[in-house]
Each structure stands twice: as structure tokens, then as C-alpha cells.
């Protein structure tokens, strides 16, 4: 049997299943609210599975295992932070954000501060974060199909955007909810079953413990240290990574939009609790692949191909048909990861573009809500697809980590202060967003164009969150205090709306679901 054939079948099956479920979901999508937030009717268990499907991206499925292989246990802060970020979101943001009645982060900003300028700035940042996050998804798809079925790298970078575009155009958020819920359980199965087989092989052949192996990555002592060697730079990188992942989750547009799909604030909290369980279960698996790779796949480190560890380890450890079939299953999970995360990001970016770009009048003509959303979706996917084809490949987890840093430096201060502090002003919000976006954005550009270095200036730019997040918070607070006379006049009414459970009756109109905040 051609060893690529099972992988080809796996990719085709996942693609067909994705399109079939998305087409089925089209029956329920009619209005703009259906396309953008599923008319706020998604129940917690379904929504949690869908969030798990879109949140567990290429960085989770492929990147973590490769990072653990190369750099050791310090990289396990990625899954810890990505999971704990939902705990922070649960405590500070989930229920009030749902009660805001917004469709997008831009809607929330405008409703809270009554400012079109803040809305416009938020829209730009949402689009940039979305594109930065989509880039590694598409490039990861190219790497996966190249490694498993021998396809040229551009093939995966085109196929995934095409499938996502068809699915999102067909039914928007309603269709994608069903697709992503299916894809979470597929990804979990695709990692769990092969891992069980690999562990049986490892236990049976007397191979050394990963901590005792010396063939791959750093020496055993350094590989087992969780703080990057324990020196000043390593400690800074770890702390900055924790800040980015803990606080960046609440600022990711495709994560936040999911909480607008819940029926009420209580459902949003329940959804988050289930998500924590699902993510915790999944993130037990990739580090185990990284540890086994240290014993069996040191060649991937020498070749600079650590991102394909999950895909190639089954064939390395189990030659023959069994290894090919396990590789096909892992390939199916990886392909599902690209499709599900890309779909969520496409909807988040398309929602903003549909409201603020394609939905605006051009002369005497103006696209309807659904048509504007679909036009925005084309733009949302086309730009990162072109970038994936033109820009050299970047580390999957590294690029996603930078997206978290940007989100933590911009929308985290805006949401925390906007929800919990009455004194936030338009001037303060704009100043803080510009400082956070400027600092983290400069770091992104530096990382994408310059190899990592060992000087402190280079280290500070590798992981900017430790300084860019405090700078954004302090700037937003100081400028707001200096312009306290400009606090929105109806801030008290909006804060009551955010913090009052839906079961408590308020004055008429207070709980309207309009994006402008009622």
C-alpha cells in the first residue's frame, strides 16, 4: 500500500464531513444574527465543544509537542496558560460580556464608551489579530499535507482557506458551531488513540525515560527545567509567556464572539466551566508526544522539522501499515484543527469587516447584513491566505503566542477596565490601545523578520507581554484619570446592565440585545 494513501483518505473524509455538517447547519441560518452569533441560542455543552474545536488550533495540535521536544518542559507553560486563560475569562469577563448585547468586540467598545473612534481602532486590532492567528493555521496545513501525503506546501495553504470559505459563507456561526463541536471530539480521538499505541510500544521495547535521553534537544537537566534554565532571561521569558497566555485569551476575537452566542450570562459561565474540563483533557496529550519524540525522533530536531513530530512519530515507532493508519488518524485531527480554528477566526474577522467596511454605503448602494458579512468573510480569508503563500514559514506555536501577546496588550485592559471601572474614558481607551498595540505589534514585526537572539533587547521582543500589558493598563488608567470629565454620561446605566443577572427585572429597555448597548 502507498503510505500516503491513508493520509489522503483521512483528509478527504474530514473535508467531506466538515462540508456536510456545515451544509446541514445552513437550514438554520437565515438572519444576520444567525450568521454572526447563532441568534444567541447555543446551549453550554454544545458551545463548549465548539469552543474547544476552534480554540485547539495548529499550535495546540502540532506546536506544543514540537516545542517540548526541542526546548523541554518549560514549553508546557503554553498549554497551562491557554487553559488557565479561560479561568481568568470566567471570573472577569464571560457573563458581563454576554449581557452587553454586543455582536463583536468593536460593538462592546462603542457601547461602553459611546465613541466611533474607539470602535474603529478596535476593528483594526481585531482584524490584525485575526490575520496573525490565521497565518500559522494555513501554513500549518501546508506543513501537514507535505509531511503526510507528499503534497506541495502551497496545496494545504490553499485547500484549508477554500473549505473554510465555503463553510462560513454557507451558514455562518450556526453552521460552524456544529462543525467545530464535531471537530473537537475528532481531534481528541486523533491524538489519544495513537498515543496509547505509542506508549505500549515504548513500555515494551525498554527505551530510556525521556528525561534520561540525550539524543534530542537540550541536555537532560536543562530539558527537565520548567523555567528555561532558571537564569534571568529564562525567568523573564517564562513569566512573559504566562502573562500573554493567561490574559490574552479574553482578547481573542474568535473566543470572545463565542460568548455572544450563549442565551444569557449564566449559560456563558457554565460554558466556560465545561471548556476548562475539555481543554484540560486535551492538553494532557501533546506534551506526551514531545516526551516520546525525545527518545525516538531526535532526527527531526537536527532537520529543523519539530512541528511535524505528532505527524511522523507513529511511523517512526510503528513501521508498516499500522503506523500508516495511525498517521492517517493524526492527520485527520490536524486537518480538523486547521479547519475549526480558521472558521472561528474567519467569522470573528468577517463580523467586524461586515459591520465597518463591506457594510458601509458605496454611493447609493449598500450591502445587506448577510451579504456584507459574506463579503467580509472573503476578505478575512483571502489576505492571510496570500500571506501564507508569500511569507516564509514561522513556528506555529511562536506565531500564535505572539497573537496572544497582542490580544493581552490591547483588549484585556479594555475589557477589564471597561467592565469593572466606571472611570474609563474614550481618551484613556484609545491611548492604552495604541500603547499596547504599538509595543506588541513592533515585537511581532521583529519576530517575523529577525531570528531570536540572546541579548536582553532581543529577549524583551521575543515575549513582549510582560512589559506591553502593564504599559497598556497604566496608560489607559492615567489618561482616563486625566480626562475624568469625559466619562460617558450613561456609564452607570451600562454598568448596571453588565453586572445585573438577566433574572433580575430592570427598567424597560435596559436589557435590549442591540449591539449599541440598548
Protein backbone atom coordinates (compact mmCIF):
# COMPACT_ATOMS: atom_id res chain seq x y z
CA UNK A 1 0.00 0.00 0.00
CA UNK A 2 1.19 3.54 -0.80
CA UNK A 3 1.99 5.04 2.62
CA UNK A 4 0.42 8.37 1.58
CA UNK A 5 -2.95 6.80 0.69
CA UNK A 6 -4.38 6.58 4.26
CA UNK A 7 -3.48 10.24 4.81
CA UNK A 8 -5.21 11.26 1.58
CA UNK A 9 -8.32 9.35 2.62
CA UNK A 10 -8.24 10.98 6.06
CA UNK A 11 -8.06 14.49 4.60
CA UNK A 12 -10.87 13.77 2.15
CA UNK A 13 -13.10 12.28 4.87
CA UNK A 14 -12.58 15.25 7.21
CA UNK A 15 -13.24 17.71 4.38
CA UNK A 16 -16.42 15.95 3.28
CA UNK A 17 -17.68 15.62 6.86
CA UNK A 18 -16.97 19.30 7.51
CA UNK A 19 -18.81 20.44 4.40
CA UNK A 20 -21.70 18.04 5.03
CA UNK A 21 -22.24 19.22 8.61
CA UNK A 22 -21.88 22.83 7.54
CA UNK A 23 -24.43 22.36 4.77
CA UNK A 24 -26.83 20.72 7.21
CA UNK A 25 -26.44 23.72 9.51
CA UNK A 26 -27.37 26.02 6.63
CA UNK A 27 -31.01 25.05 7.21
CA UNK A 28 -30.94 27.06 10.44
CA UNK A 29 -29.18 30.18 9.12
CA UNK A 30 -31.38 32.95 7.78
CA UNK A 31 -30.75 36.26 9.57
CA UNK A 32 -27.67 38.39 10.24
CA UNK A 33 -27.87 37.32 13.90
CA UNK A 34 -27.80 33.66 12.79
CA UNK A 35 -24.62 34.23 10.81
CA UNK A 36 -22.80 36.29 13.46
CA UNK A 37 -23.90 34.88 16.85
CA UNK A 38 -26.27 31.96 16.06
CA UNK A 39 -29.12 34.17 17.34
CA UNK A 40 -27.74 33.69 20.89
CA UNK A 41 -29.32 30.24 21.27
CA UNK A 42 -26.31 27.89 21.67
CA UNK A 43 -26.51 25.83 24.87
CA UNK A 44 -23.47 25.38 27.16
CA UNK A 45 -22.44 21.80 26.29
CA UNK A 46 -22.65 22.33 22.54
CA UNK A 47 -20.98 25.71 22.82
CA UNK A 48 -18.17 24.32 24.98
CA UNK A 49 -17.41 21.59 22.44
CA UNK A 50 -17.45 24.19 19.67
CA UNK A 51 -15.10 26.46 21.64
CA UNK A 52 -12.79 23.51 22.20
CA UNK A 53 -12.89 22.82 18.49
CA UNK A 54 -11.92 26.33 17.44
CA UNK A 55 -9.53 27.10 20.32
CA UNK A 56 -7.36 23.99 19.86
CA UNK A 57 -5.50 25.25 16.84
CA UNK A 58 -2.43 24.16 14.92
CA UNK A 59 -0.34 25.50 17.80
CA UNK A 60 -2.08 23.13 20.21
CA UNK A 61 -2.19 20.10 17.94
CA UNK A 62 1.30 20.33 16.41
CA UNK A 63 3.24 23.16 18.01
CA UNK A 64 3.27 22.15 21.68
CA UNK A 65 4.70 18.68 21.03
CA UNK A 66 7.43 20.15 18.83
CA UNK A 67 8.33 22.79 21.41
CA UNK A 68 8.50 20.25 24.22
CA UNK A 69 10.74 18.07 22.04
CA UNK A 70 13.19 20.88 21.32
CA UNK A 71 13.10 23.06 24.43
CA UNK A 72 11.80 20.82 27.20
CA UNK A 73 9.26 21.15 29.96
CA UNK A 74 9.40 24.96 30.07
CA UNK A 75 7.18 24.88 26.97
CA UNK A 76 4.40 23.22 28.97
CA UNK A 77 3.57 26.72 30.17
CA UNK A 78 1.81 27.13 26.81
CA UNK A 79 -0.97 24.59 27.50
CA UNK A 80 -1.12 25.63 31.16
CA UNK A 81 -1.58 29.27 30.19
CA UNK A 82 -4.02 28.58 27.36
CA UNK A 83 -6.21 26.62 29.76
CA UNK A 84 -5.89 29.00 32.70
CA UNK A 85 -6.81 31.88 30.42
CA UNK A 86 -10.36 30.56 30.43
CA UNK A 87 -10.39 30.66 34.22
CA UNK A 88 -9.48 34.35 34.13
CA UNK A 89 -12.12 34.88 31.45
CA UNK A 90 -14.70 33.07 33.60
CA UNK A 91 -14.03 35.24 36.64
CA UNK A 92 -13.73 38.65 34.97
CA UNK A 93 -15.42 38.72 31.60
CA UNK A 94 -17.74 35.90 30.49
CA UNK A 95 -21.12 36.83 31.99
CA UNK A 96 -20.86 40.66 31.74
CA UNK A 97 -19.70 40.41 28.14
CA UNK A 98 -22.72 38.30 27.22
CA UNK A 99 -25.04 40.78 28.95
CA UNK A 100 -23.58 43.64 26.93
CA UNK A 101 -25.71 42.54 23.97
CA UNK A 102 -22.83 43.11 21.55
CA UNK A 103 -22.01 41.10 18.43
CA UNK A 104 -18.27 41.92 18.36
CA UNK A 105 -15.53 43.48 20.48
CA UNK A 106 -15.97 46.64 18.46
CA UNK A 107 -19.67 46.69 19.39
CA UNK A 108 -18.78 46.38 23.06
CA UNK A 109 -16.21 49.20 22.88
CA UNK A 110 -18.64 51.54 21.16
CA UNK A 111 -21.48 50.72 23.56
CA UNK A 112 -19.30 51.18 26.64
CA UNK A 113 -17.60 54.41 25.57
CA UNK A 114 -20.10 55.87 23.07
CA UNK A 115 -17.27 56.52 20.62
CA UNK A 116 -16.92 55.69 16.95
CA UNK A 117 -13.18 56.36 17.16
CA UNK A 118 -12.70 53.62 19.76
CA UNK A 119 -14.82 51.32 17.64
CA UNK A 120 -12.71 51.96 14.54
CA UNK A 121 -9.46 51.33 16.43
CA UNK A 122 -10.83 48.11 17.93
CA UNK A 123 -11.94 46.92 14.50
CA UNK A 124 -8.42 47.40 13.11
CA UNK A 125 -6.89 45.47 16.03
CA UNK A 126 -9.43 42.63 15.71
CA UNK A 127 -8.60 42.21 12.04
CA UNK A 128 -4.84 42.27 12.65
CA UNK A 129 -5.05 39.71 15.49
CA UNK A 130 -7.28 37.51 13.34
CA UNK A 131 -4.89 37.60 10.41
CA UNK A 132 -1.86 36.97 12.64
CA UNK A 133 -3.65 33.93 14.08
CA UNK A 134 -4.86 32.66 10.69
CA UNK A 135 -1.39 32.77 9.12
CA UNK A 136 0.05 29.82 11.13
CA UNK A 137 -3.18 27.84 10.61
CA UNK A 138 -2.79 27.97 6.85
CA UNK A 139 0.97 27.41 6.95
CA UNK A 140 0.47 24.51 9.35
CA UNK A 141 -1.93 22.93 6.88
CA UNK A 142 0.76 23.16 4.21
CA UNK A 143 3.31 21.51 6.51
CA UNK A 144 0.87 18.73 7.43
CA UNK A 145 -0.08 17.73 3.90
CA UNK A 146 3.53 17.98 2.77
CA UNK A 147 4.69 15.67 5.57
CA UNK A 148 1.88 13.11 5.37
CA UNK A 149 0.81 12.83 1.73
CA UNK A 150 3.72 14.46 -0.09
CA UNK A 151 1.66 17.33 -1.47
CA UNK A 152 3.41 20.62 -2.27
CA UNK A 153 3.28 23.02 0.64
CA UNK A 154 1.08 25.54 -1.18
CA UNK A 155 -1.63 22.92 -1.61
CA UNK A 156 -2.57 22.82 2.07
CA UNK A 157 -2.27 26.61 2.29
CA UNK A 158 -4.98 26.88 -0.38
CA UNK A 159 -7.24 23.93 0.44
CA UNK A 160 -7.95 24.90 4.07
CA UNK A 161 -8.92 28.51 3.23
CA UNK A 162 -11.14 27.24 0.42
CA UNK A 163 -13.02 24.77 2.66
CA UNK A 164 -13.39 27.36 5.42
CA UNK A 165 -14.68 29.94 2.96
CA UNK A 166 -17.35 27.59 1.64
CA UNK A 167 -18.48 26.60 5.12
CA UNK A 168 -18.63 30.10 6.58
CA UNK A 169 -20.33 31.58 3.51
CA UNK A 170 -22.95 28.85 3.67
CA UNK A 171 -24.20 29.22 7.23
CA UNK A 172 -22.02 31.44 9.38
CA UNK A 173 -21.95 30.85 13.13
CA UNK A 174 -24.87 28.40 13.20
CA UNK A 175 -23.23 26.02 10.75
CA UNK A 176 -19.76 26.40 12.22
CA UNK A 177 -21.00 25.62 15.75
CA UNK A 178 -21.98 22.09 14.75
CA UNK A 179 -18.80 21.65 12.69
CA UNK A 180 -16.48 22.78 15.48
CA UNK A 181 -18.18 20.62 18.11
CA UNK A 182 -17.62 17.57 15.88
CA UNK A 183 -14.02 18.59 15.25
CA UNK A 184 -13.14 18.87 18.95
CA UNK A 185 -14.00 15.23 19.58
CA UNK A 186 -12.25 14.20 16.37
CA UNK A 187 -9.05 15.99 17.47
CA UNK A 188 -9.17 14.41 20.92
CA UNK A 189 -9.63 10.93 19.44
CA UNK A 190 -6.94 11.53 16.81
CA UNK A 191 -4.33 12.24 19.49
CA UNK A 192 -5.49 9.82 22.18
CA UNK A 193 -5.70 6.53 20.26
CA UNK A 194 -2.27 6.78 18.57
CA UNK A 195 -0.71 7.89 21.85
CA UNK A 196 -1.99 4.79 23.64
CA UNK A 197 -0.40 2.62 20.93
CA UNK A 198 2.89 4.55 21.13
CA UNK A 199 3.03 4.23 24.91
CA UNK A 200 2.54 0.47 24.63
CA UNK A 201 5.48 0.30 22.19
CA UNK A 202 7.66 2.46 24.47
CA UNK A 203 6.90 0.33 27.52
CA UNK A 204 7.59 -2.86 25.59
CA UNK A 205 10.94 -2.05 23.98
CA UNK A 206 12.87 -0.96 27.06
CA UNK A 207 13.65 2.53 25.72
CA UNK A 208 15.01 5.11 28.20
CA UNK A 209 12.89 7.61 30.09
CA UNK A 210 12.62 10.91 28.18
CA UNK A 211 14.49 12.76 30.96
CA UNK A 212 17.40 10.32 30.54
CA UNK A 213 17.51 10.59 26.74
CA UNK A 214 20.30 12.69 25.22
CA UNK A 215 19.64 12.36 21.51
CA UNK A 216 17.28 15.28 21.02
CA UNK A 217 17.09 18.86 22.19
CA UNK A 218 18.93 20.14 25.28
CA UNK A 219 20.75 18.01 27.81
CA UNK A 220 18.57 16.06 30.26
CA UNK A 221 18.96 18.54 33.11
CA UNK A 222 18.04 21.59 31.01
CA UNK A 223 15.20 19.72 29.26
CA UNK A 224 13.51 18.97 32.60
CA UNK A 225 13.68 22.52 33.99
CA UNK A 226 10.34 24.40 33.81
CA UNK A 227 11.88 27.90 34.00
CA UNK A 228 14.08 27.94 30.90
CA UNK A 229 17.31 27.20 32.74
CA UNK A 230 16.49 29.36 35.74
CA UNK A 231 18.60 32.37 34.67
CA UNK A 232 17.29 35.93 34.41
CA UNK A 233 16.38 35.75 30.73
CA UNK A 234 14.74 32.37 31.08
CA UNK A 235 12.71 33.53 34.04
CA UNK A 236 11.60 36.64 32.15
CA UNK A 237 10.55 34.62 29.08
CA UNK A 238 8.52 32.23 31.20
CA UNK A 239 6.79 34.99 33.17
CA UNK A 240 6.04 36.94 29.99
CA UNK A 241 4.62 33.84 28.35
CA UNK A 242 2.37 33.28 31.38
CA UNK A 243 1.11 36.88 31.21
CA UNK A 244 0.37 36.57 27.47
CA UNK A 245 -1.49 33.27 27.70
CA UNK A 246 -3.36 33.99 30.95
CA UNK A 247 -4.60 37.40 29.82
CA UNK A 248 -4.63 37.01 26.04
CA UNK A 249 -7.49 34.53 25.89
CA UNK A 250 -10.11 37.14 26.79
CA UNK A 251 -8.89 39.38 23.97
CA UNK A 252 -9.00 36.85 21.14
CA UNK A 253 -11.86 37.84 18.81
CA UNK A 254 -12.87 34.28 17.90
CA UNK A 255 -13.01 33.34 21.61
CA UNK A 256 -14.98 36.39 22.71
CA UNK A 257 -17.57 36.09 19.94
CA UNK A 258 -18.50 32.63 21.26
CA UNK A 259 -19.84 34.13 24.49
CA UNK A 260 -22.24 36.28 22.50
CA UNK A 261 -23.88 33.06 21.27
CA UNK A 262 -25.00 31.97 24.76
CA UNK A 263 -28.62 32.64 25.77
CA UNK A 264 -27.61 34.55 28.93
CA UNK A 265 -24.79 35.29 31.37
CA UNK A 266 -25.41 32.15 33.45
CA UNK A 267 -25.06 29.99 30.34
CA UNK A 268 -21.83 31.82 29.49
CA UNK A 269 -20.35 30.89 32.88
CA UNK A 270 -21.47 27.26 32.56
CA UNK A 271 -19.97 27.12 29.08
CA UNK A 272 -16.62 28.32 30.42
CA UNK A 273 -16.57 25.67 33.16
CA UNK A 274 -17.14 22.90 30.61
CA UNK A 275 -14.47 24.40 28.34
CA UNK A 276 -11.93 24.22 31.16
CA UNK A 277 -12.60 20.50 31.51
CA UNK A 278 -12.36 19.83 27.77
CA UNK A 279 -9.14 21.81 27.36
CA UNK A 280 -7.54 20.20 30.40
CA UNK A 281 -8.29 16.76 28.97
CA UNK A 282 -6.84 17.59 25.56
CA UNK A 283 -3.67 19.28 26.82
CA UNK A 284 -2.55 16.15 28.63
CA UNK A 285 -1.74 14.62 25.23
CA UNK A 286 0.66 16.85 23.17
CA UNK A 287 3.39 17.00 25.85
CA UNK A 288 3.42 13.19 25.91
CA UNK A 289 4.20 13.20 22.17
CA UNK A 290 7.03 15.65 22.84
CA UNK A 291 8.48 13.40 25.54
CA UNK A 292 8.33 10.30 23.33
CA UNK A 293 9.86 12.29 20.47
CA UNK A 294 12.87 12.96 22.68
CA UNK A 295 13.52 9.23 22.77
CA UNK A 296 12.65 8.29 19.17
CA UNK A 297 12.68 11.37 16.92
CA UNK A 298 15.93 13.26 17.55
CA UNK A 299 16.43 13.46 13.75
CA UNK A 300 13.52 15.89 13.47
CA UNK A 301 15.37 18.32 15.73
CA UNK A 302 18.54 18.16 13.63
CA UNK A 303 16.49 18.70 10.48
CA UNK A 304 14.56 21.65 11.94
CA UNK A 305 11.22 19.83 11.48
CA UNK A 306 9.97 19.60 15.06
CA UNK A 307 6.50 20.91 14.09
CA UNK A 308 5.75 17.59 12.30
CA UNK A 309 6.59 15.41 15.32
CA UNK A 310 2.97 14.45 16.01
CA UNK A 311 2.50 13.52 12.36
CA UNK A 312 5.65 11.42 11.93
CA UNK A 313 6.10 9.78 15.33
CA UNK A 314 3.60 6.93 14.65
CA UNK A 315 5.53 5.86 11.53
CA UNK A 316 8.86 6.18 13.34
CA UNK A 317 7.79 3.99 16.25
CA UNK A 318 5.45 1.57 14.42
CA UNK A 319 6.64 0.81 10.87
CA UNK A 320 4.30 -0.65 8.28
CA UNK A 321 0.54 -0.49 7.79
CA UNK A 322 -0.29 0.08 11.47
CA UNK A 323 1.96 3.15 11.57
CA UNK A 324 0.44 4.45 8.33
CA UNK A 325 -3.09 4.10 9.71
CA UNK A 326 -2.19 5.85 12.96
CA UNK A 327 -0.55 8.62 10.95
CA UNK A 328 -3.73 8.97 8.92
CA UNK A 329 -5.77 9.36 12.10
CA UNK A 330 -3.41 12.05 13.41
CA UNK A 331 -3.52 13.77 10.02
CA UNK A 332 -7.31 13.85 10.21
CA UNK A 333 -7.11 15.51 13.62
CA UNK A 334 -4.54 18.05 12.46
CA UNK A 335 -6.62 18.93 9.41
CA UNK A 336 -9.66 19.36 11.64
CA UNK A 337 -7.61 21.70 13.85
CA UNK A 338 -6.81 23.97 10.92
CA UNK A 339 -10.41 23.99 9.69
CA UNK A 340 -12.08 24.61 13.06
CA UNK A 341 -9.81 27.41 14.29
CA UNK A 342 -9.73 29.08 10.88
CA UNK A 343 -13.53 29.00 10.74
CA UNK A 344 -13.89 30.73 14.12
CA UNK A 345 -11.33 33.36 13.22
CA UNK A 346 -12.94 33.95 9.83
CA UNK A 347 -16.32 34.59 11.46
CA UNK A 348 -14.85 36.97 14.03
CA UNK A 349 -12.95 39.00 11.43
CA UNK A 350 -15.81 38.86 8.91
CA UNK A 351 -18.23 40.16 11.54
CA UNK A 352 -16.10 43.25 12.07
CA UNK A 353 -15.41 43.79 8.37
CA UNK A 354 -19.10 43.26 7.56
CA UNK A 355 -20.14 45.97 10.01
CA UNK A 356 -17.38 48.51 9.49
CA UNK A 357 -16.11 48.01 5.92
CA UNK A 358 -18.21 46.00 3.48
CA UNK A 359 -21.47 47.02 5.13
CA UNK A 360 -20.89 50.73 4.61
CA UNK A 361 -22.73 52.53 1.77
CA UNK A 362 -20.90 52.95 -1.54
CA UNK A 363 -22.69 55.71 -3.41
CA UNK A 364 -26.37 54.86 -3.40
CA UNK A 365 -25.78 51.15 -2.80
CA UNK A 366 -25.33 49.25 0.44
CA UNK A 367 -24.99 45.53 1.03
CA UNK A 368 -27.49 43.85 3.32
CA UNK A 369 -26.36 42.39 6.65
CA UNK A 370 -25.78 38.83 5.40
CA UNK A 371 -24.26 39.97 2.09
CA UNK A 372 -21.89 42.34 3.91
CA UNK A 373 -20.89 39.51 6.27
CA UNK A 374 -20.13 37.22 3.33
CA UNK A 375 -18.10 39.89 1.54
CA UNK A 376 -16.17 40.48 4.74
CA UNK A 377 -15.52 36.75 5.01
CA UNK A 378 -13.87 36.68 1.58
CA UNK A 379 -11.50 39.47 2.64
CA UNK A 380 -10.91 37.88 6.06
CA UNK A 381 -9.65 34.65 4.46
CA UNK A 382 -8.01 35.94 1.27
CA UNK A 383 -5.43 38.19 2.95
CA UNK A 384 -3.84 35.61 5.31
CA UNK A 385 -4.03 33.00 2.55
CA UNK A 386 -1.88 35.23 0.33
CA UNK A 387 0.47 35.93 3.23
CA UNK A 388 0.84 32.20 3.91
CA UNK A 389 1.91 31.69 0.31
CA UNK A 390 4.32 34.63 0.26
CA UNK A 391 5.80 34.81 3.78
CA UNK A 392 8.40 32.20 4.83
CA UNK A 393 7.11 29.69 7.37
CA UNK A 394 7.16 30.76 11.02
CA UNK A 395 6.93 28.50 14.04
CA UNK A 396 3.28 27.59 14.58
CA UNK A 397 3.24 27.98 18.36
CA UNK A 398 5.51 31.02 18.17
CA UNK A 399 3.14 32.93 15.87
CA UNK A 400 0.10 32.04 17.95
CA UNK A 401 1.95 33.06 21.11
CA UNK A 402 2.52 36.49 19.55
CA UNK A 403 -1.18 36.79 18.74
CA UNK A 404 -1.91 36.13 22.42
CA UNK A 405 0.58 38.85 23.40
CA UNK A 406 -1.15 41.39 21.15
CA UNK A 407 -4.59 40.42 22.48
CA UNK A 408 -3.38 40.64 26.09
CA UNK A 409 -1.86 44.07 25.43
CA UNK A 410 -4.97 45.57 23.85
CA UNK A 411 -8.35 44.02 24.55
CA UNK A 412 -7.54 42.65 28.01
CA UNK A 413 -7.09 46.17 29.50
CA UNK A 414 -10.10 47.45 27.57
CA UNK A 415 -12.38 44.64 28.77
CA UNK A 416 -11.20 44.54 32.39
CA UNK A 417 -11.34 48.30 32.89
CA UNK A 418 -14.44 48.71 30.73
CA UNK A 419 -16.36 46.10 32.71
CA UNK A 420 -15.09 46.83 36.23
CA UNK A 421 -14.18 50.54 36.33
CA UNK A 422 -16.62 53.38 35.70
CA UNK A 423 -13.81 55.88 35.15
CA UNK A 424 -12.63 54.60 31.76
CA UNK A 425 -12.82 57.35 29.13
CA UNK A 426 -12.55 57.43 25.36
CA UNK A 427 -9.17 59.17 25.50
CA UNK A 428 -7.86 56.63 28.02
CA UNK A 429 -9.06 53.67 25.97
CA UNK A 430 -7.51 54.99 22.75
CA UNK A 431 -4.21 55.82 24.43
CA UNK A 432 -3.98 52.41 26.10
CA UNK A 433 -4.89 50.55 22.92
CA UNK A 434 -2.28 52.46 20.93
CA UNK A 435 0.45 51.81 23.52
CA UNK A 436 -0.41 48.12 23.81
CA UNK A 437 -0.84 47.58 20.08
CA UNK A 438 2.27 49.61 19.25
CA UNK A 439 4.53 47.78 21.69
CA UNK A 440 3.31 44.24 20.98
CA UNK A 441 2.92 44.95 17.25
CA UNK A 442 6.54 46.10 16.99
CA UNK A 443 7.57 42.87 18.70
CA UNK A 444 5.54 40.86 16.18
CA UNK A 445 7.24 42.54 13.23
CA UNK A 446 10.64 42.00 14.82
CA UNK A 447 9.93 38.31 15.49
CA UNK A 448 8.71 37.67 11.96
CA UNK A 449 11.77 39.29 10.39
CA UNK A 450 14.64 38.53 12.80
CA UNK A 451 15.91 35.25 14.29
CA UNK A 452 15.90 35.03 18.10
CA UNK A 453 18.96 36.40 19.87
CA UNK A 454 20.41 36.15 23.37
CA UNK A 455 20.75 39.85 24.18
CA UNK A 456 18.22 41.41 26.55
CA UNK A 457 16.76 43.63 23.84
CA UNK A 458 16.08 40.56 21.71
CA UNK A 459 14.64 38.67 24.69
CA UNK A 460 12.25 41.51 25.55
CA UNK A 461 10.90 41.45 22.00
CA UNK A 462 10.60 37.66 21.84
CA UNK A 463 7.94 37.78 24.57
CA UNK A 464 6.63 41.36 24.93
CA UNK A 465 3.61 40.77 27.17
CA UNK A 466 5.45 41.27 30.48
CA UNK A 467 6.04 44.95 29.63
CA UNK A 468 3.42 45.73 26.97
CA UNK A 469 0.41 44.63 29.08
CA UNK A 470 1.32 46.74 32.17
CA UNK A 471 2.14 49.67 29.88
CA UNK A 472 -1.30 49.46 28.27
CA UNK A 473 -3.10 49.17 31.63
CA UNK A 474 -1.19 52.09 33.20
CA UNK A 475 -1.65 54.30 30.15
CA UNK A 476 -5.36 53.57 29.95
CA UNK A 477 -5.78 54.36 33.66
CA UNK A 478 -3.62 57.51 33.78
CA UNK A 479 -5.15 59.12 30.70
CA UNK A 480 -8.66 58.27 31.93
CA UNK A 481 -7.91 59.90 35.29
CA UNK A 482 -6.57 62.97 33.48
CA UNK A 483 -9.75 63.17 31.36
CA UNK A 484 -12.25 62.14 34.02
CA UNK A 485 -14.63 64.92 32.95
CA UNK A 486 -15.22 62.99 29.72
CA UNK A 487 -16.64 59.81 31.27
CA UNK A 488 -19.72 58.79 29.20
CA UNK A 489 -22.89 60.24 30.69
CA UNK A 490 -24.80 56.93 30.70
CA UNK A 491 -21.95 54.81 32.11
CA UNK A 492 -23.95 53.98 35.27
CA UNK A 493 -26.80 52.51 33.21
CA UNK A 494 -24.42 50.43 31.11
CA UNK A 495 -22.54 49.10 34.17
CA UNK A 496 -25.84 48.04 35.75
CA UNK A 497 -26.63 46.20 32.53
CA UNK A 498 -23.30 44.35 32.62
CA UNK A 499 -23.48 43.23 36.25
CA UNK A 500 -27.17 42.51 36.81
CA UNK A 501 -28.29 38.89 36.19
CA UNK A 502 -30.93 38.53 33.50
CA UNK A 503 -33.40 37.14 36.04
CA UNK A 504 -33.48 40.47 37.90
CA UNK A 505 -36.05 42.82 36.31
CA UNK A 506 -34.71 46.21 35.25
CA UNK A 507 -36.35 49.25 33.78
CA UNK A 508 -37.78 48.81 30.33
CA UNK A 509 -35.17 48.68 27.55
CA UNK A 510 -32.29 48.05 29.93
CA UNK A 511 -31.66 44.51 28.64
CA UNK A 512 -32.07 45.06 24.94
CA UNK A 513 -29.78 42.88 22.83
CA UNK A 514 -28.87 45.66 20.43
CA UNK A 515 -25.15 45.98 19.66
CA UNK A 516 -25.19 49.62 20.69
CA UNK A 517 -25.96 48.62 24.25
CA UNK A 518 -29.68 49.34 24.42
